[in-house]
Amino acid sequence: MDQQLSIGRRLQKLRTEKGAALGHALPQAVVADAVGIARSTLAAYEKGHYLPGRETLTALANYYDVSIDFLSGQAVKVSGTSSTAADEAEWTDLWRNMSEFQRRRALAVLKAVNDADVS
């Protein structure tokens, strides 16, 4: 039950924050439509009556530009986004600006670092 309330509170807060950033209230219907669920379903999530499934949780995290870990209370939000989402955004920007050669080299380095950490 605590996790449900935590996710619900975070969803409410994120909707309020996104609305403020847009300069107007952000209705549940708009968010629900954007992530492919009914408004009443989003309302139930925000009230803590139900937990969203993995697919919906992912869609909500993407919509609000936060990580699933943040929504579930396992990551801290930093500068308007979760630290995981901020890192992912930085990696994505870097990746998009790389040549194919640079991408292959970056993947090789990441694989080597990952293999070294596993050992």
N, C-alpha and C. Protein backbone atom coordinates (compact mmCIF):
# COMPACT_ATOMS: atom_id res chain seq x y z
N MET A 1 0.81 -1.19 0.00
CA MET A 1 0.00 0.00 0.00
C MET A 1 0.86 1.26 0.00
N ASP A 2 1.97 1.28 0.75
CA ASP A 2 2.84 2.45 0.77
C ASP A 2 3.40 2.75 -0.61
N GLN A 3 3.78 1.68 -1.34
CA GLN A 3 4.33 1.88 -2.68
C GLN A 3 3.26 2.48 -3.60
N GLN A 4 2.01 2.01 -3.47
CA GLN A 4 0.94 2.55 -4.29
C GLN A 4 0.77 4.05 -4.03
N LEU A 5 0.75 4.43 -2.76
CA LEU A 5 0.59 5.85 -2.42
C LEU A 5 1.78 6.65 -2.90
N SER A 6 2.97 6.10 -2.78
CA SER A 6 4.17 6.79 -3.22
C SER A 6 4.13 7.05 -4.72
N ILE A 7 3.80 6.04 -5.49
CA ILE A 7 3.73 6.21 -6.94
C ILE A 7 2.61 7.19 -7.29
N GLY A 8 1.48 7.06 -6.61
CA GLY A 8 0.36 7.96 -6.87
C GLY A 8 0.71 9.41 -6.59
N ARG A 9 1.36 9.65 -5.46
CA ARG A 9 1.76 11.02 -5.12
C ARG A 9 2.76 11.56 -6.14
N ARG A 10 3.68 10.71 -6.54
CA ARG A 10 4.67 11.16 -7.53
C ARG A 10 3.99 11.48 -8.86
N LEU A 11 3.04 10.66 -9.27
CA LEU A 11 2.33 10.92 -10.53
C LEU A 11 1.56 12.24 -10.45
N GLN A 12 0.89 12.48 -9.32
CA GLN A 12 0.17 13.76 -9.15
C GLN A 12 1.13 14.93 -9.22
N LYS A 13 2.24 14.82 -8.52
CA LYS A 13 3.21 15.91 -8.47
C LYS A 13 3.82 16.17 -9.85
N LEU A 14 4.15 15.11 -10.56
CA LEU A 14 4.72 15.27 -11.89
C LEU A 14 3.73 15.94 -12.85
N ARG A 15 2.46 15.58 -12.75
CA ARG A 15 1.44 16.19 -13.61
C ARG A 15 1.32 17.68 -13.28
N THR A 16 1.32 18.01 -11.99
CA THR A 16 1.24 19.41 -11.57
C THR A 16 2.46 20.19 -12.05
N GLU A 17 3.65 19.60 -11.89
CA GLU A 17 4.89 20.27 -12.31
C GLU A 17 4.93 20.48 -13.82
N LYS A 18 4.51 19.45 -14.56
CA LYS A 18 4.53 19.58 -16.02
C LYS A 18 3.54 20.64 -16.48
N GLY A 19 2.37 20.68 -15.82
CA GLY A 19 1.39 21.71 -16.14
C GLY A 19 1.94 23.10 -15.86
N ALA A 20 2.62 23.26 -14.72
CA ALA A 20 3.21 24.56 -14.37
C ALA A 20 4.25 24.97 -15.41
N ALA A 21 5.04 24.00 -15.86
CA ALA A 21 6.06 24.30 -16.87
C ALA A 21 5.42 24.71 -18.20
N LEU A 22 4.24 24.16 -18.47
CA LEU A 22 3.51 24.51 -19.69
C LEU A 22 2.73 25.81 -19.54
N GLY A 23 2.56 26.25 -18.29
CA GLY A 23 1.84 27.50 -18.05
C GLY A 23 0.35 27.33 -17.86
N HIS A 24 -0.11 26.10 -17.69
CA HIS A 24 -1.53 25.85 -17.46
C HIS A 24 -1.70 24.49 -16.79
N ALA A 25 -2.87 24.28 -16.23
CA ALA A 25 -3.14 22.98 -15.60
C ALA A 25 -3.10 21.89 -16.66
N LEU A 26 -2.57 20.76 -16.28
CA LEU A 26 -2.49 19.61 -17.18
C LEU A 26 -3.54 18.60 -16.74
N PRO A 27 -4.63 18.48 -17.49
CA PRO A 27 -5.70 17.56 -17.09
C PRO A 27 -5.27 16.10 -17.16
N GLN A 28 -5.85 15.30 -16.29
CA GLN A 28 -5.58 13.86 -16.31
C GLN A 28 -5.90 13.27 -17.68
N ALA A 29 -6.94 13.76 -18.32
CA ALA A 29 -7.34 13.22 -19.62
C ALA A 29 -6.24 13.37 -20.67
N VAL A 30 -5.51 14.47 -20.62
CA VAL A 30 -4.43 14.71 -21.58
C VAL A 30 -3.30 13.71 -21.35
N VAL A 31 -2.91 13.54 -20.09
CA VAL A 31 -1.84 12.59 -19.76
C VAL A 31 -2.28 11.17 -20.11
N ALA A 32 -3.48 10.83 -19.71
CA ALA A 32 -4.00 9.47 -19.96
C ALA A 32 -4.01 9.16 -21.46
N ASP A 33 -4.47 10.10 -22.25
CA ASP A 33 -4.51 9.91 -23.70
C ASP A 33 -3.10 9.74 -24.26
N ALA A 34 -2.16 10.52 -23.75
CA ALA A 34 -0.78 10.46 -24.24
C ALA A 34 -0.12 9.11 -23.96
N VAL A 35 -0.50 8.47 -22.86
CA VAL A 35 0.12 7.18 -22.51
C VAL A 35 -0.77 5.98 -22.84
N GLY A 36 -1.96 6.24 -23.39
CA GLY A 36 -2.81 5.16 -23.86
C GLY A 36 -3.64 4.45 -22.80
N ILE A 37 -4.08 5.21 -21.78
CA ILE A 37 -4.93 4.63 -20.75
C ILE A 37 -6.15 5.54 -20.56
N ALA A 38 -7.15 5.04 -19.84
CA ALA A 38 -8.33 5.84 -19.56
C ALA A 38 -8.02 6.86 -18.46
N ARG A 39 -8.71 7.99 -18.49
CA ARG A 39 -8.53 9.01 -17.46
C ARG A 39 -8.83 8.44 -16.08
N SER A 40 -9.86 7.62 -16.00
CA SER A 40 -10.23 7.03 -14.71
C SER A 40 -9.13 6.10 -14.18
N THR A 41 -8.41 5.46 -15.07
CA THR A 41 -7.30 4.60 -14.67
C THR A 41 -6.18 5.44 -14.09
N LEU A 42 -5.85 6.55 -14.76
CA LEU A 42 -4.82 7.45 -14.23
C LEU A 42 -5.24 8.00 -12.88
N ALA A 43 -6.50 8.36 -12.75
CA ALA A 43 -7.00 8.87 -11.47
C ALA A 43 -6.82 7.83 -10.36
N ALA A 44 -7.10 6.57 -10.68
CA ALA A 44 -6.93 5.49 -9.69
C ALA A 44 -5.47 5.32 -9.31
N TYR A 45 -4.56 5.46 -10.28
CA TYR A 45 -3.13 5.39 -9.98
C TYR A 45 -2.73 6.55 -9.06
N GLU A 46 -3.17 7.76 -9.41
CA GLU A 46 -2.80 8.93 -8.63
C GLU A 46 -3.34 8.87 -7.21
N LYS A 47 -4.49 8.24 -7.04
CA LYS A 47 -5.08 8.12 -5.70
C LYS A 47 -4.49 6.94 -4.91
N GLY A 48 -3.68 6.14 -5.57
CA GLY A 48 -3.05 5.02 -4.90
C GLY A 48 -3.94 3.79 -4.79
N HIS A 49 -5.01 3.75 -5.59
CA HIS A 49 -5.91 2.59 -5.55
C HIS A 49 -5.32 1.39 -6.29
N TYR A 50 -4.54 1.66 -7.31
CA TYR A 50 -3.93 0.61 -8.12
C TYR A 50 -2.51 1.00 -8.49
N LEU A 51 -1.71 0.00 -8.82
CA LEU A 51 -0.36 0.22 -9.34
C LEU A 51 -0.38 0.01 -10.85
N PRO A 52 0.27 0.87 -11.60
CA PRO A 52 0.35 0.64 -13.05
C PRO A 52 1.23 -0.57 -13.35
N GLY A 53 0.90 -1.26 -14.42
CA GLY A 53 1.73 -2.37 -14.88
C GLY A 53 3.01 -1.83 -15.50
N ARG A 54 3.90 -2.73 -15.83
CA ARG A 54 5.22 -2.35 -16.34
C ARG A 54 5.12 -1.49 -17.60
N GLU A 55 4.26 -1.87 -18.54
CA GLU A 55 4.13 -1.12 -19.79
C GLU A 55 3.61 0.29 -19.54
N THR A 56 2.61 0.41 -18.69
CA THR A 56 2.05 1.73 -18.37
C THR A 56 3.04 2.55 -17.56
N LEU A 57 3.72 1.91 -16.64
CA LEU A 57 4.73 2.61 -15.84
C LEU A 57 5.82 3.17 -16.74
N THR A 58 6.23 2.39 -17.72
CA THR A 58 7.24 2.85 -18.69
C THR A 58 6.72 4.03 -19.49
N ALA A 59 5.47 3.94 -19.95
CA ALA A 59 4.87 5.03 -20.73
C ALA A 59 4.78 6.31 -19.89
N LEU A 60 4.39 6.18 -18.63
CA LEU A 60 4.30 7.34 -17.74
C LEU A 60 5.68 7.94 -17.48
N ALA A 61 6.66 7.08 -17.23
CA ALA A 61 8.03 7.56 -17.01
C ALA A 61 8.53 8.31 -18.24
N ASN A 62 8.28 7.77 -19.42
CA ASN A 62 8.70 8.44 -20.65
C ASN A 62 7.97 9.77 -20.83
N TYR A 63 6.69 9.79 -20.54
CA TYR A 63 5.90 11.02 -20.69
C TYR A 63 6.43 12.13 -19.79
N TYR A 64 6.75 11.77 -18.55
CA TYR A 64 7.22 12.77 -17.59
C TYR A 64 8.74 12.94 -17.62
N ASP A 65 9.42 12.18 -18.46
CA ASP A 65 10.88 12.25 -18.59
C ASP A 65 11.58 11.97 -17.26
N VAL A 66 11.14 10.89 -16.62
CA VAL A 66 11.75 10.41 -15.38
C VAL A 66 11.99 8.92 -15.54
N SER A 67 12.72 8.34 -14.62
CA SER A 67 12.96 6.90 -14.68
C SER A 67 11.86 6.14 -13.94
N ILE A 68 11.74 4.88 -14.26
CA ILE A 68 10.82 4.02 -13.53
C ILE A 68 11.25 3.95 -12.07
N ASP A 69 12.55 3.94 -11.83
CA ASP A 69 13.06 3.94 -10.46
C ASP A 69 12.56 5.16 -9.69
N PHE A 70 12.54 6.31 -10.34
CA PHE A 70 12.04 7.50 -9.67
C PHE A 70 10.56 7.36 -9.34
N LEU A 71 9.78 6.91 -10.31
CA LEU A 71 8.34 6.74 -10.06
C LEU A 71 8.07 5.79 -8.90
N SER A 72 8.87 4.75 -8.81
CA SER A 72 8.65 3.76 -7.75
C SER A 72 9.34 4.13 -6.45
N GLY A 73 9.97 5.32 -6.40
CA GLY A 73 10.57 5.80 -5.17
C GLY A 73 11.96 5.28 -4.89
N GLN A 74 12.63 4.76 -5.91
CA GLN A 74 13.95 4.19 -5.70
C GLN A 74 15.08 5.03 -6.28
N ALA A 75 14.75 6.22 -6.79
CA ALA A 75 15.77 7.14 -7.30
C ALA A 75 15.36 8.55 -6.91
N VAL A 76 16.32 9.42 -6.84
CA VAL A 76 16.07 10.80 -6.46
C VAL A 76 15.98 11.65 -7.71
N LYS A 77 15.03 12.55 -7.73
CA LYS A 77 14.87 13.46 -8.86
C LYS A 77 15.88 14.58 -8.73
N VAL A 78 16.58 14.87 -9.83
CA VAL A 78 17.61 15.90 -9.82
C VAL A 78 17.33 16.88 -10.96
N SER A 79 17.25 18.15 -10.65
CA SER A 79 17.08 19.21 -11.66
C SER A 79 15.95 18.93 -12.64
N GLY A 80 14.80 18.60 -12.15
CA GLY A 80 13.66 18.42 -13.02
C GLY A 80 13.58 17.06 -13.68
N THR A 81 14.54 16.21 -13.43
CA THR A 81 14.50 14.87 -13.99
C THR A 81 15.24 13.94 -13.05
N SER A 82 15.00 12.67 -13.18
CA SER A 82 15.70 11.75 -12.29
C SER A 82 17.14 11.61 -12.75
N SER A 83 18.01 11.22 -11.84
CA SER A 83 19.42 11.09 -12.21
C SER A 83 19.59 10.06 -13.31
N THR A 84 18.83 8.99 -13.28
CA THR A 84 18.93 7.97 -14.33
C THR A 84 18.49 8.55 -15.67
N ALA A 85 17.38 9.24 -15.70
CA ALA A 85 16.88 9.82 -16.94
C ALA A 85 17.85 10.88 -17.47
N ALA A 86 18.43 11.66 -16.58
CA ALA A 86 19.39 12.68 -17.00
C ALA A 86 20.62 12.03 -17.63
N ASP A 87 21.11 10.96 -17.01
CA ASP A 87 22.25 10.23 -17.56
C ASP A 87 21.90 9.65 -18.93
N GLU A 88 20.71 9.06 -19.02
CA GLU A 88 20.29 8.47 -20.30
C GLU A 88 20.17 9.53 -21.38
N ALA A 89 19.65 10.70 -21.02
CA ALA A 89 19.52 11.79 -21.99
C ALA A 89 20.89 12.25 -22.47
N GLU A 90 21.84 12.35 -21.54
CA GLU A 90 23.19 12.76 -21.92
C GLU A 90 23.83 11.73 -22.85
N TRP A 91 23.69 10.45 -22.51
CA TRP A 91 24.23 9.39 -23.36
C TRP A 91 23.59 9.43 -24.74
N THR A 92 22.29 9.64 -24.79
CA THR A 92 21.58 9.68 -26.07
C THR A 92 22.08 10.84 -26.92
N ASP A 93 22.24 12.01 -26.32
CA ASP A 93 22.75 13.16 -27.07
C ASP A 93 24.15 12.90 -27.61
N LEU A 94 25.00 12.33 -26.76
CA LEU A 94 26.35 12.00 -27.21
C LEU A 94 26.31 11.01 -28.36
N TRP A 95 25.50 9.96 -28.20
CA TRP A 95 25.39 8.90 -29.21
C TRP A 95 24.94 9.47 -30.55
N ARG A 96 23.95 10.35 -30.53
CA ARG A 96 23.41 10.91 -31.77
C ARG A 96 24.43 11.75 -32.51
N ASN A 97 25.38 12.31 -31.79
CA ASN A 97 26.39 13.16 -32.41
C ASN A 97 27.65 12.41 -32.84
N MET A 98 27.69 11.12 -32.61
CA MET A 98 28.87 10.32 -32.97
C MET A 98 28.76 9.78 -34.39
N SER A 99 29.94 9.60 -34.98
CA SER A 99 30.00 8.91 -36.27
C SER A 99 29.83 7.41 -36.01
N GLU A 100 29.64 6.66 -37.05
CA GLU A 100 29.49 5.20 -36.89
C GLU A 100 30.76 4.61 -36.28
N PHE A 101 31.91 5.09 -36.71
CA PHE A 101 33.18 4.62 -36.15
C PHE A 101 33.24 4.90 -34.64
N GLN A 102 32.87 6.11 -34.23
CA GLN A 102 32.89 6.47 -32.81
C GLN A 102 31.91 5.60 -32.01
N ARG A 103 30.77 5.31 -32.61
CA ARG A 103 29.79 4.46 -31.92
C ARG A 103 30.35 3.06 -31.67
N ARG A 104 30.99 2.49 -32.67
CA ARG A 104 31.57 1.15 -32.51
C ARG A 104 32.63 1.15 -31.42
N ARG A 105 33.46 2.19 -31.39
CA ARG A 105 34.50 2.29 -30.36
C ARG A 105 33.87 2.47 -28.97
N ALA A 106 32.84 3.31 -28.88
CA ALA A 106 32.17 3.54 -27.60
C ALA A 106 31.55 2.24 -27.09
N LEU A 107 30.93 1.47 -27.97
CA LEU A 107 30.35 0.18 -27.56
C LEU A 107 31.43 -0.78 -27.09
N ALA A 108 32.54 -0.79 -27.77
CA ALA A 108 33.64 -1.67 -27.35
C ALA A 108 34.12 -1.30 -25.95
N VAL A 109 34.26 0.00 -25.69
CA VAL A 109 34.69 0.45 -24.35
C VAL A 109 33.65 0.08 -23.31
N LEU A 110 32.39 0.33 -23.59
CA LEU A 110 31.32 -0.02 -22.63
C LEU A 110 31.29 -1.51 -22.33
N LYS A 111 31.45 -2.33 -23.35
CA LYS A 111 31.47 -3.78 -23.15
C LYS A 111 32.66 -4.18 -22.27
N ALA A 112 33.81 -3.56 -22.53
CA ALA A 112 35.00 -3.88 -21.73
C ALA A 112 34.80 -3.47 -20.28
N VAL A 113 34.23 -2.31 -20.04
CA VAL A 113 33.98 -1.86 -18.68
C VAL A 113 32.96 -2.78 -18.01
N ASN A 114 31.94 -3.14 -18.72
CA ASN A 114 30.93 -4.04 -18.15
C ASN A 114 31.52 -5.40 -17.81
N ASP A 115 32.33 -5.93 -18.70
CA ASP A 115 32.97 -7.23 -18.46
C ASP A 115 33.92 -7.16 -17.26
N ALA A 116 34.63 -6.04 -17.13
CA ALA A 116 35.57 -5.88 -16.02
C ALA A 116 34.83 -5.82 -14.69
N ASP A 117 33.67 -5.18 -14.66
CA ASP A 117 32.88 -5.05 -13.42
C ASP A 117 32.25 -6.37 -13.02
N VAL A 118 31.95 -7.23 -13.98
CA VAL A 118 31.29 -8.50 -13.69
C VAL A 118 32.27 -9.49 -13.07
N SER A 119 33.50 -9.45 -13.49
CA SER A 119 34.50 -10.42 -13.03
C SER A 119 34.74 -10.38 -11.55
